[in-house]
């Protein structure tokens, strides 16, 4: 697992790490390879920040809370913090939480390209 973070020479990986708080190599959340993959999939580092935060929230949601003697591990506060960070980053980058696309009102396998007879 490769980890790089150098704010003096900003790269897209460094930008993503900075915005999600993954800056400690001893406690790395994502590898450079994972971040590179997400940047390629999402097209921009800003979208990659959102995708990484969503992935992190998903991972934390799947981990159970537990208690053993005096030790209690509860992910609720951390999970709430990451959800809040996700909302802040969406707002900062102008990325809506919900997106949509147009839907044709005619059959896609027809040769019709718009409203025709019978409309």
PDB file of N, CA and C in Angstrom:
ATOM      1  N   UNK A   1       0.840  -1.173   0.000  1.00  0.00           N
ATOM      2  CA  UNK A   1       0.000   0.000   0.000  1.00  0.00           C
ATOM      3  C   UNK A   1       0.887   1.239   0.000  1.00  0.00           C
ATOM      4  N   UNK A   2       0.711   2.058  -1.001  1.00  0.00           N
ATOM      5  CA  UNK A   2       1.492   3.281  -1.124  1.00  0.00           C
ATOM      6  C   UNK A   2       0.747   4.439  -0.479  1.00  0.00           C
ATOM      7  N   UNK A   3       1.490   5.279   0.235  1.00  0.00           N
ATOM      8  CA  UNK A   3       0.910   6.456   0.873  1.00  0.00           C
ATOM      9  C   UNK A   3       1.812   7.643   0.594  1.00  0.00           C
ATOM     10  N   UNK A   4       1.256   8.664  -0.054  1.00  0.00           N
ATOM     11  CA  UNK A   4       1.992   9.918  -0.229  1.00  0.00           C
ATOM     12  C   UNK A   4       1.097  11.076   0.168  1.00  0.00           C
ATOM     13  N   UNK A   5       1.694  12.019   0.866  1.00  0.00           N
ATOM     14  CA  UNK A   5       1.001  13.249   1.234  1.00  0.00           C
ATOM     15  C   UNK A   5       2.068  14.315   1.428  1.00  0.00           C
ATOM     16  N   UNK A   6       2.109  15.257   0.495  1.00  0.00           N
ATOM     17  CA  UNK A   6       3.107  16.318   0.558  1.00  0.00           C
ATOM     18  C   UNK A   6       2.443  17.634   0.153  1.00  0.00           C
ATOM     19  N   UNK A   7       1.993  18.421   1.131  1.00  0.00           N
ATOM     20  CA  UNK A   7       1.319  19.680   0.815  1.00  0.00           C
ATOM     21  C   UNK A   7       2.203  20.702   0.093  1.00  0.00           C
ATOM     22  N   UNK A   8       3.535  20.507   0.133  1.00  0.00           N
ATOM     23  CA  UNK A   8       4.418  21.454  -0.557  1.00  0.00           C
ATOM     24  C   UNK A   8       4.440  21.210  -2.065  1.00  0.00           C
ATOM     25  N   UNK A   9       4.009  20.024  -2.487  1.00  0.00           N
ATOM     26  CA  UNK A   9       3.929  19.702  -3.919  1.00  0.00           C
ATOM     27  C   UNK A   9       2.552  19.087  -4.181  1.00  0.00           C
ATOM     28  N   UNK A  10       1.509  19.934  -4.246  1.00  0.00           N
ATOM     29  CA  UNK A  10       0.148  19.414  -4.334  1.00  0.00           C
ATOM     30  C   UNK A  10      -0.125  18.604  -5.606  1.00  0.00           C
ATOM     31  N   UNK A  11      -0.666  17.445  -5.388  1.00  0.00           N
ATOM     32  CA  UNK A  11      -1.152  16.594  -6.466  1.00  0.00           C
ATOM     33  C   UNK A  11      -2.622  16.327  -6.181  1.00  0.00           C
ATOM     34  N   UNK A  12      -3.303  15.687  -7.105  1.00  0.00           N
ATOM     35  CA  UNK A  12      -4.704  15.355  -6.861  1.00  0.00           C
ATOM     36  C   UNK A  12      -4.840  14.410  -5.670  1.00  0.00           C
ATOM     37  N   UNK A  13      -3.906  13.497  -5.499  1.00  0.00           N
ATOM     38  CA  UNK A  13      -3.943  12.583  -4.350  1.00  0.00           C
ATOM     39  C   UNK A  13      -3.808  13.366  -3.053  1.00  0.00           C
ATOM     40  N   UNK A  14      -2.884  14.319  -3.007  1.00  0.00           N
ATOM     41  CA  UNK A  14      -2.698  15.152  -1.815  1.00  0.00           C
ATOM     42  C   UNK A  14      -3.954  15.959  -1.533  1.00  0.00           C
ATOM     43  N   UNK A  15      -4.580  16.512  -2.581  1.00  0.00           N
ATOM     44  CA  UNK A  15      -5.807  17.297  -2.400  1.00  0.00           C
ATOM     45  C   UNK A  15      -6.913  16.437  -1.791  1.00  0.00           C
ATOM     46  N   UNK A  16      -7.094  15.225  -2.323  1.00  0.00           N
ATOM     47  CA  UNK A  16      -8.123  14.327  -1.800  1.00  0.00           C
ATOM     48  C   UNK A  16      -7.819  13.994  -0.341  1.00  0.00           C
ATOM     49  N   UNK A  17      -6.578  13.615  -0.063  1.00  0.00           N
ATOM     50  CA  UNK A  17      -6.199  13.269   1.320  1.00  0.00           C
ATOM     51  C   UNK A  17      -6.454  14.437   2.271  1.00  0.00           C
ATOM     52  N   UNK A  18      -6.088  15.650   1.865  1.00  0.00           N
ATOM     53  CA  UNK A  18      -6.285  16.824   2.711  1.00  0.00           C
ATOM     54  C   UNK A  18      -7.765  17.008   3.051  1.00  0.00           C
ATOM     55  N   UNK A  19      -8.621  16.929   2.051  1.00  0.00           N
ATOM     56  CA  UNK A  19     -10.040  17.210   2.255  1.00  0.00           C
ATOM     57  C   UNK A  19     -10.770  16.120   3.040  1.00  0.00           C
ATOM     58  N   UNK A  20     -10.295  14.889   3.000  1.00  0.00           N
ATOM     59  CA  UNK A  20     -10.962  13.833   3.775  1.00  0.00           C
ATOM     60  C   UNK A  20     -10.264  13.582   5.105  1.00  0.00           C
ATOM     61  N   UNK A  21      -9.116  14.245   5.327  1.00  0.00           N
ATOM     62  CA  UNK A  21      -8.405  14.108   6.600  1.00  0.00           C
ATOM     63  C   UNK A  21      -7.544  12.860   6.690  1.00  0.00           C
ATOM     64  N   UNK A  22      -7.207  12.272   5.560  1.00  0.00           N
ATOM     65  CA  UNK A  22      -6.386  11.056   5.523  1.00  0.00           C
ATOM     66  C   UNK A  22      -4.924  11.454   5.317  1.00  0.00           C
ATOM     67  N   UNK A  23      -4.317  12.066   6.348  1.00  0.00           N
ATOM     68  CA  UNK A  23      -2.988  12.658   6.191  1.00  0.00           C
ATOM     69  C   UNK A  23      -1.906  11.981   7.028  1.00  0.00           C
ATOM     70  N   UNK A  24      -2.257  10.957   7.777  1.00  0.00           N
ATOM     71  CA  UNK A  24      -1.297  10.262   8.633  1.00  0.00           C
ATOM     72  C   UNK A  24      -0.991   8.890   8.039  1.00  0.00           C
ATOM     73  N   UNK A  25       0.246   8.693   7.631  1.00  0.00           N
ATOM     74  CA  UNK A  25       0.617   7.425   6.989  1.00  0.00           C
ATOM     75  C   UNK A  25       0.475   6.228   7.925  1.00  0.00           C
ATOM     76  N   UNK A  26       0.580   6.449   9.236  1.00  0.00           N
ATOM     77  CA  UNK A  26       0.437   5.348  10.194  1.00  0.00           C
ATOM     78  C   UNK A  26      -1.010   4.887  10.342  1.00  0.00           C
ATOM     79  N   UNK A  27      -1.943   5.759  10.006  1.00  0.00           N
ATOM     80  CA  UNK A  27      -3.364   5.427  10.119  1.00  0.00           C
ATOM     81  C   UNK A  27      -4.077   5.675   8.799  1.00  0.00           C
ATOM     82  N   UNK A  28      -3.447   5.329   7.700  1.00  0.00           N
ATOM     83  CA  UNK A  28      -3.998   5.587   6.368  1.00  0.00           C
ATOM     84  C   UNK A  28      -5.340   4.892   6.178  1.00  0.00           C
ATOM     85  N   UNK A  29      -6.261   5.609   5.588  1.00  0.00           N
ATOM     86  CA  UNK A  29      -7.578   5.064   5.276  1.00  0.00           C
ATOM     87  C   UNK A  29      -7.578   4.494   3.863  1.00  0.00           C
ATOM     88  N   UNK A  30      -7.019   5.249   2.924  1.00  0.00           N
ATOM     89  CA  UNK A  30      -6.973   4.842   1.523  1.00  0.00           C
ATOM     90  C   UNK A  30      -5.530   4.786   1.045  1.00  0.00           C
ATOM     91  N   UNK A  31      -5.247   3.883   0.139  1.00  0.00           N
ATOM     92  CA  UNK A  31      -3.928   3.836  -0.494  1.00  0.00           C
ATOM     93  C   UNK A  31      -3.920   4.817  -1.670  1.00  0.00           C
ATOM     94  N   UNK A  32      -2.734   5.171  -2.136  1.00  0.00           N
ATOM     95  CA  UNK A  32      -2.618   6.028  -3.313  1.00  0.00           C
ATOM     96  C   UNK A  32      -3.315   5.388  -4.508  1.00  0.00           C
ATOM     97  N   UNK A  33      -3.200   4.068  -4.610  1.00  0.00           N
ATOM     98  CA  UNK A  33      -3.813   3.356  -5.730  1.00  0.00           C
ATOM     99  C   UNK A  33      -5.335   3.472  -5.703  1.00  0.00           C
ATOM    100  N   UNK A  34      -5.918   3.371  -4.506  1.00  0.00           N
ATOM    101  CA  UNK A  34      -7.375   3.522  -4.385  1.00  0.00           C
ATOM    102  C   UNK A  34      -7.803   4.935  -4.772  1.00  0.00           C
ATOM    103  N   UNK A  35      -7.079   5.929  -4.290  1.00  0.00           N
ATOM    104  CA  UNK A  35      -7.426   7.316  -4.610  1.00  0.00           C
ATOM    105  C   UNK A  35      -7.263   7.582  -6.099  1.00  0.00           C
ATOM    106  N   UNK A  36      -6.205   7.074  -6.701  1.00  0.00           N
ATOM    107  CA  UNK A  36      -5.997   7.231  -8.142  1.00  0.00           C
ATOM    108  C   UNK A  36      -7.156   6.610  -8.915  1.00  0.00           C
ATOM    109  N   UNK A  37      -7.588   5.426  -8.491  1.00  0.00           N
ATOM    110  CA  UNK A  37      -8.719   4.762  -9.123  1.00  0.00           C
ATOM    111  C   UNK A  37      -9.985   5.613  -9.020  1.00  0.00           C
ATOM    112  N   UNK A  38     -10.256   6.146  -7.825  1.00  0.00           N
ATOM    113  CA  UNK A  38     -11.471   6.941  -7.623  1.00  0.00           C
ATOM    114  C   UNK A  38     -11.422   8.226  -8.448  1.00  0.00           C
ATOM    115  N   UNK A  39     -10.272   8.867  -8.528  1.00  0.00           N
ATOM    116  CA  UNK A  39     -10.136  10.074  -9.349  1.00  0.00           C
ATOM    117  C   UNK A  39     -10.423   9.741 -10.810  1.00  0.00           C
ATOM    118  N   UNK A  40      -9.904   8.618 -11.288  1.00  0.00           N
ATOM    119  CA  UNK A  40     -10.152   8.206 -12.676  1.00  0.00           C
ATOM    120  C   UNK A  40     -11.634   7.918 -12.907  1.00  0.00           C
ATOM    121  N   UNK A  41     -12.279   7.284 -11.944  1.00  0.00           N
ATOM    122  CA  UNK A  41     -13.703   6.945 -12.072  1.00  0.00           C
ATOM    123  C   UNK A  41     -14.590   8.183 -11.982  1.00  0.00           C
ATOM    124  N   UNK A  42     -14.230   9.123 -11.131  1.00  0.00           N
ATOM    125  CA  UNK A  42     -15.086  10.277 -10.846  1.00  0.00           C
ATOM    126  C   UNK A  42     -14.737  11.517 -11.673  1.00  0.00           C
ATOM    127  N   UNK A  43     -13.655  11.483 -12.425  1.00  0.00           N
ATOM    128  CA  UNK A  43     -13.240  12.542 -13.359  1.00  0.00           C
ATOM    129  C   UNK A  43     -12.524  13.735 -12.722  1.00  0.00           C
ATOM    130  N   UNK A  44     -12.841  14.103 -11.481  1.00  0.00           N
ATOM    131  CA  UNK A  44     -12.158  15.231 -10.847  1.00  0.00           C
ATOM    132  C   UNK A  44     -11.805  14.858  -9.410  1.00  0.00           C
ATOM    133  N   UNK A  45     -10.835  15.553  -8.861  1.00  0.00           N
ATOM    134  CA  UNK A  45     -10.459  15.257  -7.472  1.00  0.00           C
ATOM    135  C   UNK A  45     -11.564  15.668  -6.506  1.00  0.00           C
ATOM    136  N   UNK A  46     -12.345  16.720  -6.869  1.00  0.00           N
ATOM    137  CA  UNK A  46     -13.445  17.134  -6.001  1.00  0.00           C
ATOM    138  C   UNK A  46     -14.510  16.019  -5.905  1.00  0.00           C
ATOM    139  N   UNK A  47     -14.859  15.441  -7.045  1.00  0.00           N
ATOM    140  CA  UNK A  47     -15.810  14.326  -7.039  1.00  0.00           C
ATOM    141  C   UNK A  47     -15.218  13.130  -6.307  1.00  0.00           C
ATOM    142  N   UNK A  48     -13.906  12.959  -6.406  1.00  0.00           N
ATOM    143  CA  UNK A  48     -13.236  11.856  -5.706  1.00  0.00           C
ATOM    144  C   UNK A  48     -13.316  12.051  -4.189  1.00  0.00           C
ATOM    145  N   UNK A  49     -13.240  13.285  -3.724  1.00  0.00           N
ATOM    146  CA  UNK A  49     -13.392  13.563  -2.285  1.00  0.00           C
ATOM    147  C   UNK A  49     -14.759  13.076  -1.824  1.00  0.00           C
ATOM    148  N   UNK A  50     -15.798  13.417  -2.573  1.00  0.00           N
ATOM    149  CA  UNK A  50     -17.162  13.006  -2.227  1.00  0.00           C
ATOM    150  C   UNK A  50     -17.262  11.485  -2.239  1.00  0.00           C
ATOM    151  N   UNK A  51     -16.732  10.840  -3.273  1.00  0.00           N
ATOM    152  CA  UNK A  51     -16.798   9.379  -3.377  1.00  0.00           C
ATOM    153  C   UNK A  51     -16.032   8.697  -2.246  1.00  0.00           C
ATOM    154  N   UNK A  52     -14.882   9.222  -1.878  1.00  0.00           N
ATOM    155  CA  UNK A  52     -14.103   8.636  -0.779  1.00  0.00           C
ATOM    156  C   UNK A  52     -14.844   8.778   0.545  1.00  0.00           C
ATOM    157  N   UNK A  53     -15.455   9.931   0.773  1.00  0.00           N
ATOM    158  CA  UNK A  53     -16.223  10.115   2.003  1.00  0.00           C
ATOM    159  C   UNK A  53     -17.422   9.164   2.034  1.00  0.00           C
ATOM    160  N   UNK A  54     -18.079   8.994   0.902  1.00  0.00           N
ATOM    161  CA  UNK A  54     -19.201   8.051   0.844  1.00  0.00           C
ATOM    162  C   UNK A  54     -18.727   6.629   1.111  1.00  0.00           C
ATOM    163  N   UNK A  55     -17.580   6.271   0.571  1.00  0.00           N
ATOM    164  CA  UNK A  55     -17.021   4.943   0.808  1.00  0.00           C
ATOM    165  C   UNK A  55     -16.683   4.755   2.283  1.00  0.00           C
ATOM    166  N   UNK A  56     -16.094   5.764   2.874  1.00  0.00           N
ATOM    167  CA  UNK A  56     -15.731   5.700   4.289  1.00  0.00           C
ATOM    168  C   UNK A  56     -16.973   5.566   5.173  1.00  0.00           C
ATOM    169  N   UNK A  57     -18.014   6.314   4.852  1.00  0.00           N
ATOM    170  CA  UNK A  57     -19.275   6.218   5.599  1.00  0.00           C
ATOM    171  C   UNK A  57     -19.853   4.809   5.451  1.00  0.00           C
ATOM    172  N   UNK A  58     -19.792   4.265   4.243  1.00  0.00           N
ATOM    173  CA  UNK A  58     -20.282   2.907   4.027  1.00  0.00           C
ATOM    174  C   UNK A  58     -19.500   1.875   4.822  1.00  0.00           C
ATOM    175  N   UNK A  59     -18.198   2.028   4.851  1.00  0.00           N
ATOM    176  CA  UNK A  59     -17.356   1.094   5.615  1.00  0.00           C
ATOM    177  C   UNK A  59     -17.670   1.168   7.100  1.00  0.00           C
ATOM    178  N   UNK A  60     -17.793   2.394   7.618  1.00  0.00           N
ATOM    179  CA  UNK A  60     -18.064   2.566   9.044  1.00  0.00           C
ATOM    180  C   UNK A  60     -19.451   2.061   9.418  1.00  0.00           C
ATOM    181  N   UNK A  61     -20.405   2.221   8.514  1.00  0.00           N
ATOM    182  CA  UNK A  61     -21.773   1.767   8.776  1.00  0.00           C
ATOM    183  C   UNK A  61     -21.841   0.251   8.898  1.00  0.00           C
ATOM    184  N   UNK A  62     -20.924  -0.429   8.223  1.00  0.00           N
ATOM    185  CA  UNK A  62     -20.922  -1.895   8.238  1.00  0.00           C
ATOM    186  C   UNK A  62     -20.222  -2.467   9.471  1.00  0.00           C
ATOM    187  N   UNK A  63     -19.452  -1.649  10.172  1.00  0.00           N
ATOM    188  CA  UNK A  63     -18.733  -2.127  11.354  1.00  0.00           C
ATOM    189  C   UNK A  63     -19.638  -2.069  12.570  1.00  0.00           C
ATOM    190  N   UNK A  64     -19.762  -3.176  13.290  1.00  0.00           N
ATOM    191  CA  UNK A  64     -20.649  -3.176  14.461  1.00  0.00           C
ATOM    192  C   UNK A  64     -20.010  -2.478  15.665  1.00  0.00           C
ATOM    193  N   UNK A  65     -20.866  -1.915  16.502  1.00  0.00           N
ATOM    194  CA  UNK A  65     -20.420  -1.401  17.792  1.00  0.00           C
ATOM    195  C   UNK A  65     -20.265  -2.594  18.729  1.00  0.00           C
ATOM    196  N   UNK A  66     -19.362  -2.481  19.701  1.00  0.00           N
ATOM    197  CA  UNK A  66     -19.226  -3.587  20.651  1.00  0.00           C
ATOM    198  C   UNK A  66     -18.731  -3.089  21.995  1.00  0.00           C
ATOM    199  N   UNK A  67     -18.971  -3.909  23.004  1.00  0.00           N
ATOM    200  CA  UNK A  67     -18.514  -3.634  24.363  1.00  0.00           C
ATOM    201  C   UNK A  67     -17.842  -4.891  24.896  1.00  0.00           C
ATOM    202  N   UNK A  68     -16.665  -4.724  25.482  1.00  0.00           N
ATOM    203  CA  UNK A  68     -15.936  -5.832  26.094  1.00  0.00           C
ATOM    204  C   UNK A  68     -15.365  -5.327  27.420  1.00  0.00           C
ATOM    205  N   UNK A  69     -15.905  -5.825  28.497  1.00  0.00           N
ATOM    206  CA  UNK A  69     -15.514  -5.377  29.840  1.00  0.00           C
ATOM    207  C   UNK A  69     -15.666  -3.860  29.948  1.00  0.00           C
ATOM    208  N   UNK A  70     -14.580  -3.147  30.115  1.00  0.00           N
ATOM    209  CA  UNK A  70     -14.612  -1.702  30.278  1.00  0.00           C
ATOM    210  C   UNK A  70     -14.497  -0.957  28.946  1.00  0.00           C
ATOM    211  N   UNK A  71     -14.186  -1.670  27.853  1.00  0.00           N
ATOM    212  CA  UNK A  71     -13.983  -1.041  26.549  1.00  0.00           C
ATOM    213  C   UNK A  71     -15.279  -1.011  25.755  1.00  0.00           C
ATOM    214  N   UNK A  72     -15.631   0.171  25.265  1.00  0.00           N
ATOM    215  CA  UNK A  72     -16.813   0.304  24.427  1.00  0.00           C
ATOM    216  C   UNK A  72     -16.411   1.017  23.143  1.00  0.00           C
ATOM    217  N   UNK A  73     -16.723   0.403  22.004  1.00  0.00           N
ATOM    218  CA  UNK A  73     -16.437   1.004  20.709  1.00  0.00           C
ATOM    219  C   UNK A  73     -17.773   1.345  20.057  1.00  0.00           C
ATOM    220  N   UNK A  74     -17.982   2.633  19.832  1.00  0.00           N
ATOM    221  CA  UNK A  74     -19.229   3.127  19.265  1.00  0.00           C
ATOM    222  C   UNK A  74     -18.881   4.065  18.110  1.00  0.00           C
ATOM    223  N   UNK A  75     -19.310   3.733  16.919  1.00  0.00           N
ATOM    224  CA  UNK A  75     -18.957   4.514  15.730  1.00  0.00           C
ATOM    225  C   UNK A  75     -19.904   5.674  15.454  1.00  0.00           C
ATOM    226  N   UNK A  76     -20.917   5.883  16.274  1.00  0.00           N
ATOM    227  CA  UNK A  76     -21.943   6.879  15.979  1.00  0.00           C
ATOM    228  C   UNK A  76     -21.390   8.291  15.821  1.00  0.00           C
ATOM    229  N   UNK A  77     -20.519   8.719  16.734  1.00  0.00           N
ATOM    230  CA  UNK A  77     -19.979  10.088  16.658  1.00  0.00           C
ATOM    231  C   UNK A  77     -19.095  10.275  15.437  1.00  0.00           C
ATOM    232  N   UNK A  78     -18.227   9.300  15.175  1.00  0.00           N
ATOM    233  CA  UNK A  78     -17.351   9.403  14.008  1.00  0.00           C
ATOM    234  C   UNK A  78     -18.179   9.379  12.721  1.00  0.00           C
ATOM    235  N   UNK A  79     -19.173   8.510  12.678  1.00  0.00           N
ATOM    236  CA  UNK A  79     -20.032   8.409  11.508  1.00  0.00           C
ATOM    237  C   UNK A  79     -20.787   9.720  11.271  1.00  0.00           C
ATOM    238  N   UNK A  80     -21.309  10.308  12.325  1.00  0.00           N
ATOM    239  CA  UNK A  80     -22.004  11.595  12.214  1.00  0.00           C
ATOM    240  C   UNK A  80     -21.049  12.689  11.736  1.00  0.00           C
ATOM    241  N   UNK A  81     -19.807  12.646  12.207  1.00  0.00           N
ATOM    242  CA  UNK A  81     -18.806  13.626  11.775  1.00  0.00           C
ATOM    243  C   UNK A  81     -18.489  13.508  10.297  1.00  0.00           C
ATOM    244  N   UNK A  82     -18.345  12.284   9.804  1.00  0.00           N
ATOM    245  CA  UNK A  82     -18.071  12.097   8.380  1.00  0.00           C
ATOM    246  C   UNK A  82     -19.267  12.483   7.518  1.00  0.00           C
ATOM    247  N   UNK A  83     -20.475  12.239   8.008  1.00  0.00           N
ATOM    248  CA  UNK A  83     -21.665  12.655   7.254  1.00  0.00           C
ATOM    249  C   UNK A  83     -21.743  14.182   7.173  1.00  0.00           C
ATOM    250  N   UNK A  84     -21.404  14.857   8.264  1.00  0.00           N
ATOM    251  CA  UNK A  84     -21.380  16.316   8.266  1.00  0.00           C
ATOM    252  C   UNK A  84     -20.292  16.833   7.317  1.00  0.00           C
ATOM    253  N   UNK A  85     -19.119  16.213   7.351  1.00  0.00           N
ATOM    254  CA  UNK A  85     -18.031  16.600   6.450  1.00  0.00           C
ATOM    255  C   UNK A  85     -18.448  16.412   4.995  1.00  0.00           C
ATOM    256  N   UNK A  86     -19.148  15.324   4.701  1.00  0.00           N
ATOM    257  CA  UNK A  86     -19.634  15.078   3.344  1.00  0.00           C
ATOM    258  C   UNK A  86     -20.543  16.214   2.890  1.00  0.00           C
ATOM    259  N   UNK A  87     -21.462  16.637   3.745  1.00  0.00           N
ATOM    260  CA  UNK A  87     -22.366  17.735   3.392  1.00  0.00           C
ATOM    261  C   UNK A  87     -21.594  19.040   3.178  1.00  0.00           C
ATOM    262  N   UNK A  88     -20.604  19.302   4.036  1.00  0.00           N
ATOM    263  CA  UNK A  88     -19.798  20.514   3.890  1.00  0.00           C
ATOM    264  C   UNK A  88     -19.032  20.504   2.566  1.00  0.00           C
ATOM    265  N   UNK A  89     -18.451  19.363   2.222  1.00  0.00           N
ATOM    266  CA  UNK A  89     -17.673  19.273   0.977  1.00  0.00           C
ATOM    267  C   UNK A  89     -18.579  19.367  -0.246  1.00  0.00           C
ATOM    268  N   UNK A  90     -19.774  18.789  -0.184  1.00  0.00           N
ATOM    269  CA  UNK A  90     -20.733  18.934  -1.289  1.00  0.00           C
ATOM    270  C   UNK A  90     -21.033  20.417  -1.518  1.00  0.00           C
ATOM    271  N   UNK A  91     -21.278  21.134  -0.424  1.00  0.00           N
ATOM    272  CA  UNK A  91     -21.580  22.553  -0.522  1.00  0.00           C
ATOM    273  C   UNK A  91     -20.364  23.331  -1.020  1.00  0.00           C
ATOM    274  N   UNK A  92     -19.198  23.049  -0.478  1.00  0.00           N
ATOM    275  CA  UNK A  92     -17.970  23.755  -0.866  1.00  0.00           C
ATOM    276  C   UNK A  92     -17.661  23.571  -2.350  1.00  0.00           C
ATOM    277  N   UNK A  93     -17.848  22.359  -2.868  1.00  0.00           N
ATOM    278  CA  UNK A  93     -17.520  22.070  -4.264  1.00  0.00           C
ATOM    279  C   UNK A  93     -18.706  22.264  -5.209  1.00  0.00           C
ATOM    280  N   UNK A  94     -19.889  22.571  -4.660  1.00  0.00           N
ATOM    281  CA  UNK A  94     -21.067  22.760  -5.505  1.00  0.00           C
ATOM    282  C   UNK A  94     -21.553  21.468  -6.148  1.00  0.00           C
ATOM    283  N   UNK A  95     -21.460  20.371  -5.405  1.00  0.00           N
ATOM    284  CA  UNK A  95     -21.876  19.065  -5.914  1.00  0.00           C
ATOM    285  C   UNK A  95     -23.169  18.677  -5.199  1.00  0.00           C
ATOM    286  N   UNK A  96     -24.276  18.579  -5.938  1.00  0.00           N
ATOM    287  CA  UNK A  96     -25.549  18.255  -5.279  1.00  0.00           C
ATOM    288  C   UNK A  96     -25.578  16.822  -4.765  1.00  0.00           C
ATOM    289  N   UNK A  97     -26.391  16.607  -3.742  1.00  0.00           N
ATOM    290  CA  UNK A  97     -26.525  15.266  -3.162  1.00  0.00           C
ATOM    291  C   UNK A  97     -27.301  14.346  -4.093  1.00  0.00           C
ATOM    292  N   UNK A  98     -28.202  14.927  -4.876  1.00  0.00           N
ATOM    293  CA  UNK A  98     -29.016  14.143  -5.794  1.00  0.00           C
ATOM    294  C   UNK A  98     -28.841  14.720  -7.184  1.00  0.00           C
ATOM    295  N   UNK A  99     -28.667  13.855  -8.143  1.00  0.00           N
ATOM    296  CA  UNK A  99     -28.574  14.322  -9.517  1.00  0.00           C
ATOM    297  C   UNK A  99     -29.549  13.502 -10.354  1.00  0.00           C
ATOM    298  N   UNK A 100     -29.885  14.021 -11.502  1.00  0.00           N
ATOM    299  CA  UNK A 100     -30.836  13.327 -12.363  1.00  0.00           C
ATOM    300  C   UNK A 100     -30.447  13.478 -13.812  1.00  0.00           C
ATOM    301  N   UNK A 101     -31.179  12.776 -14.630  1.00  0.00           N
ATOM    302  CA  UNK A 101     -30.963  12.901 -16.063  1.00  0.00           C
ATOM    303  C   UNK A 101     -32.311  12.811 -16.744  1.00  0.00           C
ATOM    304  N   UNK A 102     -32.389  13.306 -17.956  1.00  0.00           N
ATOM    305  CA  UNK A 102     -33.630  13.301 -18.705  1.00  0.00           C
ATOM    306  C   UNK A 102     -34.041  11.891 -19.100  1.00  0.00           C
ATOM    307  N   UNK A 103     -35.335  11.722 -19.285  1.00  0.00           N
ATOM    308  CA  UNK A 103     -35.865  10.424 -19.688  1.00  0.00           C
ATOM    309  C   UNK A 103     -36.756  10.641 -20.904  1.00  0.00           C
ATOM    310  N   UNK A 104     -36.487   9.921 -21.961  1.00  0.00           N
ATOM    311  CA  UNK A 104     -37.300  10.016 -23.171  1.00  0.00           C
ATOM    312  C   UNK A 104     -38.708   9.507 -22.879  1.00  0.00           C
ATOM    313  N   UNK A 105     -39.692  10.132 -23.521  1.00  0.00           N
ATOM    314  CA  UNK A 105     -41.071   9.712 -23.334  1.00  0.00           C
ATOM    315  C   UNK A 105     -41.515   8.763 -24.450  1.00  0.00           C
ATOM    316  N   UNK A 106     -40.586   8.353 -25.283  1.00  0.00           N
ATOM    317  CA  UNK A 106     -40.871   7.407 -26.359  1.00  0.00           C
ATOM    318  C   UNK A 106     -39.946   6.219 -26.209  1.00  0.00           C
ATOM    319  N   UNK A 107     -40.254   5.163 -26.893  1.00  0.00           N
ATOM    320  CA  UNK A 107     -39.452   3.949 -26.786  1.00  0.00           C
ATOM    321  C   UNK A 107     -38.048   4.177 -27.332  1.00  0.00           C
ATOM    322  N   UNK A 108     -37.075   3.761 -26.565  1.00  0.00           N
ATOM    323  CA  UNK A 108     -35.678   3.941 -26.962  1.00  0.00           C
ATOM    324  C   UNK A 108     -35.281   3.105 -28.164  1.00  0.00           C
ATOM    325  N   UNK A 109     -35.981   1.992 -28.404  1.00  0.00           N
ATOM    326  CA  UNK A 109     -35.612   1.138 -29.529  1.00  0.00           C
ATOM    327  C   UNK A 109     -36.367   1.501 -30.806  1.00  0.00           C
ATOM    328  N   UNK A 110     -37.154   2.567 -30.765  1.00  0.00           N
ATOM    329  CA  UNK A 110     -37.827   3.040 -31.969  1.00  0.00           C
ATOM    330  C   UNK A 110     -36.918   4.034 -32.673  1.00  0.00           C
ATOM    331  N   UNK A 111     -37.285   4.408 -33.860  1.00  0.00           N
ATOM    332  CA  UNK A 111     -36.505   5.412 -34.578  1.00  0.00           C
ATOM    333  C   UNK A 111     -37.037   6.820 -34.301  1.00  0.00           C
ATOM    334  N   UNK A 112     -37.962   6.922 -33.411  1.00  0.00           N
ATOM    335  CA  UNK A 112     -38.551   8.216 -33.082  1.00  0.00           C
ATOM    336  C   UNK A 112     -37.549   9.047 -32.299  1.00  0.00           C
ATOM    337  N   UNK A 113     -37.385  10.288 -32.691  1.00  0.00           N
ATOM    338  CA  UNK A 113     -36.444  11.184 -32.009  1.00  0.00           C
ATOM    339  C   UNK A 113     -37.154  12.331 -31.314  1.00  0.00           C
ATOM    340  N   UNK A 114     -38.473  12.317 -31.330  1.00  0.00           N
ATOM    341  CA  UNK A 114     -39.248  13.355 -30.675  1.00  0.00           C
ATOM    342  C   UNK A 114     -40.711  13.055 -30.836  1.00  0.00           C
ATOM    343  N   UNK A 115     -41.560  13.976 -30.372  1.00  0.00           N
ATOM    344  CA  UNK A 115     -43.004  13.758 -30.510  1.00  0.00           C
ATOM    345  C   UNK A 115     -43.387  13.630 -31.986  1.00  0.00           C
ATOM    346  N   UNK A 116     -44.225  12.718 -32.263  1.00  0.00           N
ATOM    347  CA  UNK A 116     -44.677  12.503 -33.645  1.00  0.00           C
ATOM    348  C   UNK A 116     -46.174  12.422 -33.705  1.00  0.00           C
ATOM    349  N   UNK A 117     -46.670  11.709 -34.707  1.00  0.00           N
ATOM    350  CA  UNK A 117     -48.105  11.542 -34.866  1.00  0.00           C
ATOM    351  C   UNK A 117     -48.729  10.914 -33.651  1.00  0.00           C
ATOM    352  N   UNK A 118     -49.920  11.328 -33.338  1.00  0.00           N
ATOM    353  CA  UNK A 118     -50.629  10.747 -32.219  1.00  0.00           C
ATOM    354  C   UNK A 118     -50.372  11.435 -30.905  1.00  0.00           C
ATOM    355  N   UNK A 119     -49.604  12.473 -30.928  1.00  0.00           N
ATOM    356  CA  UNK A 119     -49.326  13.183 -29.684  1.00  0.00           C
ATOM    357  C   UNK A 119     -50.350  14.240 -29.463  1.00  0.00           C
TER     358      UNK A 119
END
